């Protein structure tokens, strides 16, 4: 477990902490080999050398960043939530749609494993 991610979660309100811990647990249930880190000011997960998913706490919602490909693939199911190109906002005062999020993570796992990161060429 990444120390920065632990500190980030501890700084949040109790409802936000609960949501963030659920998301973190879900990532590791589905991708136990994922690397946890801190990027763009939020918990970040990498798999097969590529970004897998990010999430962050805000005052009234949890932001989930599963990259534009996953958001496009699940666009119909995400219609009821405020969204950006590669983000979705889940209100803190409502239950997280963990089944949907799990399927989005699984989609990203498949993408990452199908298209591993390119190795940098050494001079």
Protein backbone atom coordinates (compact mmCIF):
# COMPACT_ATOMS: atom_id res chain seq x y z
CA UNK A 1 0.00 0.00 0.00
CA UNK A 2 1.30 3.39 -1.02
CA UNK A 3 1.95 5.80 1.89
CA UNK A 4 0.71 8.82 -0.08
CA UNK A 5 -2.53 7.04 -0.93
CA UNK A 6 -2.98 6.07 2.73
CA UNK A 7 -2.45 9.69 3.80
CA UNK A 8 -4.83 10.96 1.10
CA UNK A 9 -7.59 8.60 2.23
CA UNK A 10 -7.08 9.50 5.91
CA UNK A 11 -7.52 13.22 5.13
CA UNK A 12 -11.03 12.69 3.75
CA UNK A 13 -14.35 12.73 5.60
CA UNK A 14 -15.70 9.40 6.89
CA UNK A 15 -18.16 8.86 3.97
CA UNK A 16 -15.44 9.67 1.43
CA UNK A 17 -12.94 7.40 3.19
CA UNK A 18 -15.41 4.54 3.01
CA UNK A 19 -15.92 5.05 -0.75
CA UNK A 20 -12.19 5.35 -1.44
CA UNK A 21 -11.41 2.20 0.57
CA UNK A 22 -14.11 0.30 -1.33
CA UNK A 23 -12.61 1.41 -4.64
CA UNK A 24 -9.09 0.55 -3.56
CA UNK A 25 -10.19 -2.91 -2.41
CA UNK A 26 -12.06 -3.46 -5.67
CA UNK A 27 -8.98 -2.61 -7.74
CA UNK A 28 -6.85 -5.09 -5.80
CA UNK A 29 -9.54 -7.80 -5.90
CA UNK A 30 -9.68 -7.56 -9.69
CA UNK A 31 -6.01 -6.77 -10.34
CA UNK A 32 -3.90 -7.96 -7.41
CA UNK A 33 -0.75 -7.24 -9.40
CA UNK A 34 -1.70 -3.58 -9.97
CA UNK A 35 0.82 -0.99 -8.82
CA UNK A 36 -0.59 1.64 -6.50
CA UNK A 37 0.77 5.16 -6.61
CA UNK A 38 -0.18 8.80 -6.47
CA UNK A 39 -0.51 10.81 -9.67
CA UNK A 40 -2.33 13.98 -10.66
CA UNK A 41 -3.01 14.52 -6.95
CA UNK A 42 -5.01 11.30 -6.53
CA UNK A 43 -4.67 7.54 -6.03
CA UNK A 44 -3.51 5.98 -9.28
CA UNK A 45 -3.19 2.38 -10.37
CA UNK A 46 -1.05 0.93 -13.15
CA UNK A 47 -1.13 -2.50 -14.74
CA UNK A 48 1.16 -3.94 -17.39
CA UNK A 49 3.07 -0.66 -17.37
CA UNK A 50 0.03 1.43 -18.27
CA UNK A 51 -2.54 3.50 -16.35
CA UNK A 52 -5.46 1.40 -15.15
CA UNK A 53 -7.69 3.71 -13.13
CA UNK A 54 -7.61 6.79 -10.90
CA UNK A 55 -10.07 8.08 -8.32
CA UNK A 56 -10.41 11.12 -6.09
CA UNK A 57 -12.58 12.54 -3.34
CA UNK A 58 -14.40 15.84 -3.68
CA UNK A 59 -16.80 17.53 -1.30
CA UNK A 60 -19.95 16.06 -2.86
CA UNK A 61 -18.73 13.26 -5.11
CA UNK A 62 -16.09 10.66 -5.85
CA UNK A 63 -14.42 11.15 -9.20
CA UNK A 64 -13.57 7.99 -11.13
CA UNK A 65 -11.14 8.21 -14.03
CA UNK A 66 -11.13 4.97 -16.00
CA UNK A 67 -9.76 6.64 -19.13
CA UNK A 68 -11.91 7.61 -22.12
CA UNK A 69 -12.06 4.07 -23.54
CA UNK A 70 -13.89 2.62 -20.51
CA UNK A 71 -16.20 5.59 -20.25
CA UNK A 72 -17.12 5.21 -23.91
CA UNK A 73 -17.69 1.46 -23.53
CA UNK A 74 -20.06 2.00 -20.57
CA UNK A 75 -21.63 5.27 -21.73
CA UNK A 76 -25.21 3.97 -21.60
CA UNK A 77 -24.84 2.83 -17.99
CA UNK A 78 -23.14 6.08 -16.98
CA UNK A 79 -25.86 8.34 -18.40
CA UNK A 80 -27.34 9.10 -14.98
CA UNK A 81 -24.06 10.57 -13.69
CA UNK A 82 -22.23 13.81 -14.38
CA UNK A 83 -19.33 13.04 -16.73
CA UNK A 84 -16.33 14.40 -18.55
CA UNK A 85 -14.39 12.82 -21.42
CA UNK A 86 -12.64 10.30 -19.17
CA UNK A 87 -14.33 10.88 -15.84
CA UNK A 88 -17.53 10.25 -13.97
CA UNK A 89 -18.83 11.67 -10.70
CA UNK A 90 -20.54 9.43 -8.16
CA UNK A 91 -22.38 11.39 -5.43
CA UNK A 92 -21.02 10.66 -1.95
CA UNK A 93 -24.54 10.55 -0.51
CA UNK A 94 -25.52 7.61 -2.74
CA UNK A 95 -24.25 4.06 -2.85
CA UNK A 96 -21.38 3.48 -5.27
CA UNK A 97 -22.37 1.32 -8.26
CA UNK A 98 -19.67 -1.23 -7.45
CA UNK A 99 -20.87 -3.77 -10.02
CA UNK A 100 -20.57 -1.20 -12.81
CA UNK A 101 -17.21 0.04 -11.53
CA UNK A 102 -15.93 -3.55 -11.33
CA UNK A 103 -16.91 -4.13 -14.96
CA UNK A 104 -15.17 -0.89 -15.97
CA UNK A 105 -12.01 -1.97 -14.16
CA UNK A 106 -12.20 -5.42 -15.77
CA UNK A 107 -12.54 -3.73 -19.17
CA UNK A 108 -9.41 -1.67 -18.46
CA UNK A 109 -7.52 -4.76 -17.25
CA UNK A 110 -8.28 -6.49 -20.54
CA UNK A 111 -7.18 -3.41 -22.48
CA UNK A 112 -3.91 -3.13 -20.59
CA UNK A 113 -3.10 -6.81 -20.92
CA UNK A 114 -3.99 -6.82 -24.63
CA UNK A 115 -1.81 -3.80 -25.34
CA UNK A 116 1.17 -3.81 -22.95
CA UNK A 117 3.27 -0.67 -22.64
CA UNK A 118 6.00 -0.30 -25.19
CA UNK A 119 9.50 -0.63 -23.86
CA UNK A 120 11.61 2.50 -24.29
CA UNK A 121 14.45 2.02 -26.74
CA UNK A 122 17.87 2.49 -25.25
CA UNK A 123 20.48 4.39 -27.26
